[in-house]
């Protein structure tokens, strides 16, 4: 096998859960191959360099080592690429920790009660 579609390879390499998610990421411009924004039907070859934009501004850099168009075991899928993403800086690690903490706290508070809503209205002067 010399080439394979980008969206299929991203799914087989376990970089996205489904092919649909891989296609969506390509359409939104989140994946570039050799420095060019790629469409889902782009043919991928061994040696190509991928940059995947992840949430919170992170970028994952990969080099394609092998190709497959059918699903393989996850351990074999990891052998299909080399991850050249630089390790996160201390600031990035701290930012991610704070983001996780903020999300946990905001999820725990949930929806305000009737008394909390009334108290907030009194403070803002909307009552």
N, C-alpha and C. Protein backbone atom coordinates (compact mmCIF):
# COMPACT_ATOMS: atom_id res chain seq x y z
N UNK A 1 0.85 -1.18 0.00
CA UNK A 1 0.00 0.00 0.00
C UNK A 1 0.90 1.24 0.00
N UNK A 2 0.68 2.11 -0.97
CA UNK A 2 1.51 3.30 -1.13
C UNK A 2 0.84 4.52 -0.50
N UNK A 3 -0.48 4.65 -0.68
CA UNK A 3 -1.21 5.79 -0.12
C UNK A 3 -2.50 5.32 0.52
N UNK A 4 -3.03 6.17 1.41
CA UNK A 4 -4.33 5.92 2.04
C UNK A 4 -4.95 7.28 2.35
N UNK A 5 -6.28 7.34 2.34
CA UNK A 5 -6.97 8.59 2.64
C UNK A 5 -6.64 9.05 4.06
N UNK A 6 -6.52 10.36 4.22
CA UNK A 6 -6.17 10.94 5.52
C UNK A 6 -7.19 10.60 6.59
N UNK A 7 -8.49 10.76 6.31
CA UNK A 7 -9.51 10.51 7.33
C UNK A 7 -9.52 9.05 7.77
N UNK A 8 -9.29 8.13 6.84
CA UNK A 8 -9.24 6.71 7.20
C UNK A 8 -8.03 6.44 8.08
N UNK A 9 -6.87 7.00 7.71
CA UNK A 9 -5.66 6.76 8.48
C UNK A 9 -5.78 7.31 9.89
N UNK A 10 -6.37 8.51 10.04
CA UNK A 10 -6.54 9.09 11.38
C UNK A 10 -7.42 8.21 12.25
N UNK A 11 -8.43 7.60 11.66
CA UNK A 11 -9.31 6.70 12.41
C UNK A 11 -8.57 5.40 12.77
N UNK A 12 -7.89 4.81 11.80
CA UNK A 12 -7.18 3.54 12.02
C UNK A 12 -6.04 3.72 13.03
N UNK A 13 -5.37 4.86 12.99
CA UNK A 13 -4.24 5.13 13.90
C UNK A 13 -4.72 5.53 15.29
N UNK A 14 -6.03 5.52 15.52
CA UNK A 14 -6.63 5.83 16.83
C UNK A 14 -6.34 7.25 17.29
N UNK A 15 -6.20 8.18 16.35
CA UNK A 15 -6.03 9.58 16.71
C UNK A 15 -7.38 10.27 16.86
N UNK A 16 -8.41 9.71 16.25
CA UNK A 16 -9.80 10.14 16.43
C UNK A 16 -10.64 8.89 16.64
N UNK A 17 -11.73 9.02 17.39
CA UNK A 17 -12.56 7.86 17.70
C UNK A 17 -13.24 7.29 16.47
N UNK A 18 -13.70 8.17 15.59
CA UNK A 18 -14.42 7.71 14.41
C UNK A 18 -13.89 8.44 13.17
N UNK A 19 -14.21 7.89 12.02
CA UNK A 19 -13.83 8.52 10.77
C UNK A 19 -14.58 9.83 10.59
N UNK A 20 -15.81 9.89 11.09
CA UNK A 20 -16.59 11.13 10.99
C UNK A 20 -15.91 12.26 11.74
N UNK A 21 -15.38 11.97 12.93
CA UNK A 21 -14.68 13.00 13.69
C UNK A 21 -13.43 13.45 12.94
N UNK A 22 -12.72 12.52 12.34
CA UNK A 22 -11.53 12.87 11.56
C UNK A 22 -11.90 13.75 10.37
N UNK A 23 -13.00 13.42 9.69
CA UNK A 23 -13.45 14.24 8.56
C UNK A 23 -13.82 15.65 9.02
N UNK A 24 -14.52 15.73 10.15
CA UNK A 24 -14.92 17.03 10.68
C UNK A 24 -13.69 17.88 11.01
N UNK A 25 -12.69 17.26 11.63
CA UNK A 25 -11.47 18.00 11.96
C UNK A 25 -10.77 18.50 10.70
N UNK A 26 -10.75 17.69 9.66
CA UNK A 26 -10.14 18.12 8.39
C UNK A 26 -10.91 19.29 7.78
N UNK A 27 -12.23 19.18 7.78
CA UNK A 27 -13.05 20.25 7.19
C UNK A 27 -12.91 21.57 7.94
N UNK A 28 -12.70 21.48 9.26
CA UNK A 28 -12.54 22.69 10.06
C UNK A 28 -11.12 23.24 10.01
N UNK A 29 -10.24 22.60 9.26
CA UNK A 29 -8.87 23.10 9.11
C UNK A 29 -7.97 22.80 10.29
N UNK A 30 -8.28 21.78 11.05
CA UNK A 30 -7.49 21.47 12.24
C UNK A 30 -6.30 20.55 11.95
N UNK A 31 -6.20 20.05 10.72
CA UNK A 31 -5.13 19.13 10.37
C UNK A 31 -4.39 19.66 9.16
N UNK A 32 -3.07 19.70 9.27
CA UNK A 32 -2.26 20.09 8.12
C UNK A 32 -1.25 18.98 7.85
N UNK A 33 -1.00 18.75 6.57
CA UNK A 33 -0.05 17.73 6.13
C UNK A 33 1.05 18.44 5.37
N UNK A 34 2.28 18.29 5.86
CA UNK A 34 3.45 18.94 5.25
C UNK A 34 3.24 20.45 5.11
N UNK A 35 2.61 21.06 6.12
CA UNK A 35 2.43 22.50 6.16
C UNK A 35 1.23 23.04 5.39
N UNK A 36 0.41 22.17 4.80
CA UNK A 36 -0.75 22.59 4.02
C UNK A 36 -2.01 22.02 4.67
N UNK A 37 -3.02 22.87 4.87
CA UNK A 37 -4.29 22.41 5.43
C UNK A 37 -4.85 21.32 4.53
N UNK A 38 -5.26 20.20 5.15
CA UNK A 38 -5.64 19.03 4.36
C UNK A 38 -7.13 18.76 4.41
N UNK A 39 -7.64 18.24 3.30
CA UNK A 39 -9.03 17.78 3.22
C UNK A 39 -9.06 16.30 3.57
N UNK A 40 -10.24 15.77 3.91
CA UNK A 40 -10.33 14.37 4.32
C UNK A 40 -9.87 13.38 3.25
N UNK A 41 -10.03 13.72 1.96
CA UNK A 41 -9.68 12.77 0.91
C UNK A 41 -8.23 12.87 0.47
N UNK A 42 -7.42 13.63 1.18
CA UNK A 42 -6.01 13.76 0.80
C UNK A 42 -5.31 12.43 0.96
N UNK A 43 -4.48 12.09 -0.02
CA UNK A 43 -3.72 10.84 0.03
C UNK A 43 -2.50 11.03 0.93
N UNK A 44 -2.34 10.13 1.88
CA UNK A 44 -1.26 10.20 2.86
C UNK A 44 -0.21 9.16 2.50
N UNK A 45 1.06 9.52 2.63
CA UNK A 45 2.17 8.61 2.34
C UNK A 45 3.07 8.50 3.56
N UNK A 46 3.86 7.45 3.62
CA UNK A 46 4.83 7.31 4.70
C UNK A 46 5.83 8.45 4.60
N UNK A 47 6.17 9.03 5.73
CA UNK A 47 7.10 10.15 5.76
C UNK A 47 6.42 11.51 5.82
N UNK A 48 5.11 11.57 5.61
CA UNK A 48 4.39 12.84 5.71
C UNK A 48 4.38 13.33 7.15
N UNK A 49 4.38 14.65 7.30
CA UNK A 49 4.38 15.27 8.63
C UNK A 49 3.01 15.90 8.86
N UNK A 50 2.35 15.49 9.95
CA UNK A 50 1.02 16.00 10.29
C UNK A 50 1.11 16.91 11.51
N UNK A 51 0.31 17.96 11.50
CA UNK A 51 0.14 18.82 12.67
C UNK A 51 -1.35 18.86 12.95
N UNK A 52 -1.75 18.41 14.15
CA UNK A 52 -3.15 18.36 14.54
C UNK A 52 -3.38 19.39 15.62
N UNK A 53 -4.32 20.30 15.40
CA UNK A 53 -4.67 21.30 16.41
C UNK A 53 -5.63 20.66 17.40
N UNK A 54 -5.26 20.66 18.66
CA UNK A 54 -6.08 20.08 19.72
C UNK A 54 -6.69 21.20 20.55
N UNK A 55 -7.64 20.88 21.45
CA UNK A 55 -8.25 21.92 22.28
C UNK A 55 -7.22 22.66 23.14
N UNK A 56 -7.60 23.86 23.55
CA UNK A 56 -6.79 24.74 24.39
C UNK A 56 -5.49 25.16 23.72
N UNK A 57 -5.49 25.23 22.39
CA UNK A 57 -4.34 25.75 21.67
C UNK A 57 -3.16 24.81 21.54
N UNK A 58 -3.31 23.56 21.92
CA UNK A 58 -2.20 22.61 21.81
C UNK A 58 -2.09 22.11 20.37
N UNK A 59 -0.88 21.74 19.98
CA UNK A 59 -0.64 21.20 18.64
C UNK A 59 0.13 19.90 18.79
N UNK A 60 -0.35 18.86 18.11
CA UNK A 60 0.29 17.55 18.13
C UNK A 60 0.99 17.36 16.78
N UNK A 61 2.29 17.08 16.82
CA UNK A 61 3.09 16.90 15.61
C UNK A 61 3.42 15.42 15.46
N UNK A 62 3.13 14.86 14.28
CA UNK A 62 3.34 13.44 14.01
C UNK A 62 4.07 13.26 12.69
N UNK A 63 4.79 12.15 12.58
CA UNK A 63 5.39 11.73 11.32
C UNK A 63 4.84 10.35 11.02
N UNK A 64 4.30 10.18 9.82
CA UNK A 64 3.70 8.92 9.41
C UNK A 64 4.80 7.90 9.13
N UNK A 65 4.72 6.75 9.81
CA UNK A 65 5.69 5.68 9.59
C UNK A 65 5.11 4.52 8.79
N UNK A 66 3.81 4.26 8.96
CA UNK A 66 3.19 3.15 8.27
C UNK A 66 1.76 3.49 7.88
N UNK A 67 1.22 2.71 6.97
CA UNK A 67 -0.13 2.96 6.47
C UNK A 67 -0.99 1.71 6.66
N UNK A 68 -2.27 1.93 6.87
CA UNK A 68 -3.26 0.85 6.94
C UNK A 68 -4.61 1.45 6.65
N UNK A 69 -5.47 0.67 6.00
CA UNK A 69 -6.81 1.18 5.72
C UNK A 69 -7.89 0.36 6.44
N UNK A 70 -7.47 -0.63 7.22
CA UNK A 70 -8.40 -1.39 8.05
C UNK A 70 -7.93 -1.33 9.49
N UNK A 71 -8.85 -1.50 10.40
CA UNK A 71 -8.51 -1.38 11.82
C UNK A 71 -7.52 -2.43 12.27
N UNK A 72 -6.61 -2.02 13.13
CA UNK A 72 -5.61 -2.91 13.71
C UNK A 72 -5.65 -2.71 15.22
N UNK A 73 -4.93 -3.54 15.94
CA UNK A 73 -4.88 -3.42 17.40
C UNK A 73 -4.28 -2.06 17.77
N UNK A 74 -4.67 -1.55 18.92
CA UNK A 74 -4.23 -0.21 19.33
C UNK A 74 -2.71 -0.15 19.46
N UNK A 75 -2.09 -1.23 19.94
CA UNK A 75 -0.63 -1.25 20.05
C UNK A 75 0.02 -1.15 18.68
N UNK A 76 -0.55 -1.82 17.69
CA UNK A 76 -0.02 -1.73 16.33
C UNK A 76 -0.29 -0.35 15.73
N UNK A 77 -1.42 0.24 16.07
CA UNK A 77 -1.77 1.56 15.55
C UNK A 77 -0.75 2.60 16.01
N UNK A 78 -0.25 2.47 17.23
CA UNK A 78 0.74 3.43 17.73
C UNK A 78 2.07 3.31 17.00
N UNK A 79 2.31 2.17 16.38
CA UNK A 79 3.54 1.98 15.62
C UNK A 79 3.48 2.62 14.24
N UNK A 80 2.31 3.11 13.85
CA UNK A 80 2.13 3.70 12.53
C UNK A 80 2.57 5.16 12.46
N UNK A 81 2.90 5.75 13.59
CA UNK A 81 3.35 7.14 13.59
C UNK A 81 4.34 7.38 14.71
N UNK A 82 5.11 8.44 14.56
CA UNK A 82 6.05 8.87 15.59
C UNK A 82 5.57 10.23 16.09
N UNK A 83 5.37 10.33 17.37
CA UNK A 83 4.87 11.59 17.96
C UNK A 83 6.07 12.49 18.27
N UNK A 84 6.15 13.60 17.57
CA UNK A 84 7.25 14.55 17.77
C UNK A 84 6.78 15.83 18.45
N UNK A 85 5.71 15.73 19.20
CA UNK A 85 5.19 16.88 19.92
C UNK A 85 6.15 17.20 21.06
N UNK A 86 6.59 18.46 21.17
CA UNK A 86 7.50 18.80 22.27
C UNK A 86 6.76 18.70 23.61
N UNK A 87 7.49 18.36 24.67
CA UNK A 87 6.82 18.28 25.98
C UNK A 87 6.29 19.65 26.41
N UNK A 88 5.21 19.67 27.17
CA UNK A 88 4.63 20.96 27.58
C UNK A 88 5.55 21.71 28.55
N UNK A 89 5.49 23.03 28.47
CA UNK A 89 6.27 23.86 29.39
C UNK A 89 5.61 23.85 30.76
N UNK A 90 6.31 24.36 31.74
CA UNK A 90 5.77 24.41 33.11
C UNK A 90 4.51 25.27 33.15
N UNK A 91 4.48 26.36 32.37
CA UNK A 91 3.30 27.22 32.35
C UNK A 91 2.10 26.48 31.76
N UNK A 92 2.32 25.70 30.71
CA UNK A 92 1.23 24.95 30.09
C UNK A 92 0.68 23.89 31.05
N UNK A 93 1.57 23.22 31.75
CA UNK A 93 1.13 22.21 32.73
C UNK A 93 0.28 22.86 33.81
N UNK A 94 0.72 24.01 34.31
CA UNK A 94 -0.03 24.71 35.36
C UNK A 94 -1.37 25.22 34.83
N UNK A 95 -1.38 25.71 33.58
CA UNK A 95 -2.63 26.19 32.98
C UNK A 95 -3.64 25.05 32.85
N UNK A 96 -3.18 23.88 32.41
CA UNK A 96 -4.07 22.73 32.28
C UNK A 96 -4.61 22.29 33.64
N UNK A 97 -3.74 22.33 34.66
CA UNK A 97 -4.17 21.96 36.01
C UNK A 97 -5.24 22.91 36.50
N UNK A 98 -5.04 24.21 36.28
CA UNK A 98 -6.02 25.20 36.71
C UNK A 98 -7.33 25.04 35.94
N UNK A 99 -7.25 24.74 34.65
CA UNK A 99 -8.45 24.53 33.83
C UNK A 99 -9.25 23.35 34.34
N UNK A 100 -8.57 22.24 34.65
CA UNK A 100 -9.26 21.06 35.19
C UNK A 100 -9.92 21.39 36.53
N UNK A 101 -9.22 22.13 37.37
CA UNK A 101 -9.76 22.52 38.67
C UNK A 101 -10.99 23.41 38.49
N UNK A 102 -10.91 24.40 37.60
CA UNK A 102 -12.03 25.30 37.35
C UNK A 102 -13.25 24.54 36.85
N UNK A 103 -13.03 23.61 35.91
CA UNK A 103 -14.15 22.83 35.39
C UNK A 103 -14.78 21.96 36.47
N UNK A 104 -13.97 21.38 37.34
CA UNK A 104 -14.50 20.54 38.41
C UNK A 104 -15.33 21.37 39.38
N UNK A 105 -14.85 22.55 39.73
CA UNK A 105 -15.58 23.41 40.66
C UNK A 105 -16.87 23.91 40.04
N UNK A 106 -16.81 24.33 38.77
CA UNK A 106 -18.03 24.85 38.14
C UNK A 106 -19.05 23.74 37.91
N UNK A 107 -18.60 22.54 37.67
CA UNK A 107 -19.54 21.42 37.49
C UNK A 107 -20.17 21.02 38.82
N UNK A 108 -19.44 21.17 39.90
CA UNK A 108 -19.95 20.78 41.22
C UNK A 108 -21.00 21.76 41.72
N UNK A 109 -20.89 23.02 41.34
CA UNK A 109 -21.85 24.00 41.84
C UNK A 109 -23.21 23.82 41.21
N UNK A 110 -23.25 23.46 39.95
CA UNK A 110 -24.52 23.19 39.29
C UNK A 110 -25.39 24.42 39.12
N UNK A 111 -26.66 24.21 38.97
CA UNK A 111 -27.62 25.28 38.75
C UNK A 111 -27.91 25.97 40.08
N UNK A 112 -28.00 27.31 40.08
CA UNK A 112 -28.29 28.00 41.34
C UNK A 112 -29.71 27.72 41.82
N UNK A 113 -29.88 27.73 43.13
CA UNK A 113 -31.21 27.52 43.72
C UNK A 113 -32.02 28.80 43.59
N UNK A 114 -33.29 28.71 43.95
CA UNK A 114 -34.17 29.88 43.88
C UNK A 114 -33.66 30.99 44.79
N UNK A 115 -33.22 30.64 45.99
CA UNK A 115 -32.71 31.66 46.92
C UNK A 115 -31.44 32.31 46.38
N UNK A 116 -30.57 31.51 45.75
CA UNK A 116 -29.34 32.07 45.19
C UNK A 116 -29.65 33.01 44.03
N UNK A 117 -30.61 32.66 43.20
CA UNK A 117 -30.99 33.53 42.09
C UNK A 117 -31.56 34.84 42.61
N UNK A 118 -32.43 34.78 43.64
CA UNK A 118 -33.01 36.01 44.21
C UNK A 118 -31.94 36.88 44.84
N UNK A 119 -30.98 36.25 45.53
CA UNK A 119 -29.90 37.02 46.16
C UNK A 119 -29.05 37.70 45.08
N UNK A 120 -28.80 37.02 43.99
CA UNK A 120 -28.01 37.61 42.91
C UNK A 120 -28.75 38.78 42.29
N UNK A 121 -30.08 38.65 42.12
CA UNK A 121 -30.86 39.75 41.56
C UNK A 121 -30.83 40.97 42.48
N UNK A 122 -30.91 40.73 43.79
CA UNK A 122 -30.84 41.83 44.74
C UNK A 122 -29.50 42.55 44.66
N UNK A 123 -28.40 41.78 44.50
CA UNK A 123 -27.07 42.39 44.43
C UNK A 123 -26.88 43.19 43.15
N UNK A 124 -27.42 42.74 42.06
CA UNK A 124 -27.24 43.43 40.79
C UNK A 124 -28.26 44.55 40.59
N UNK A 125 -29.25 44.64 41.47
CA UNK A 125 -30.23 45.72 41.39
C UNK A 125 -31.29 45.49 40.32
N UNK A 126 -31.51 44.25 39.94
CA UNK A 126 -32.50 43.96 38.90
C UNK A 126 -33.85 43.57 39.50
N UNK A 127 -34.03 43.79 40.75
CA UNK A 127 -35.30 43.39 41.36
C UNK A 127 -36.19 44.58 41.60
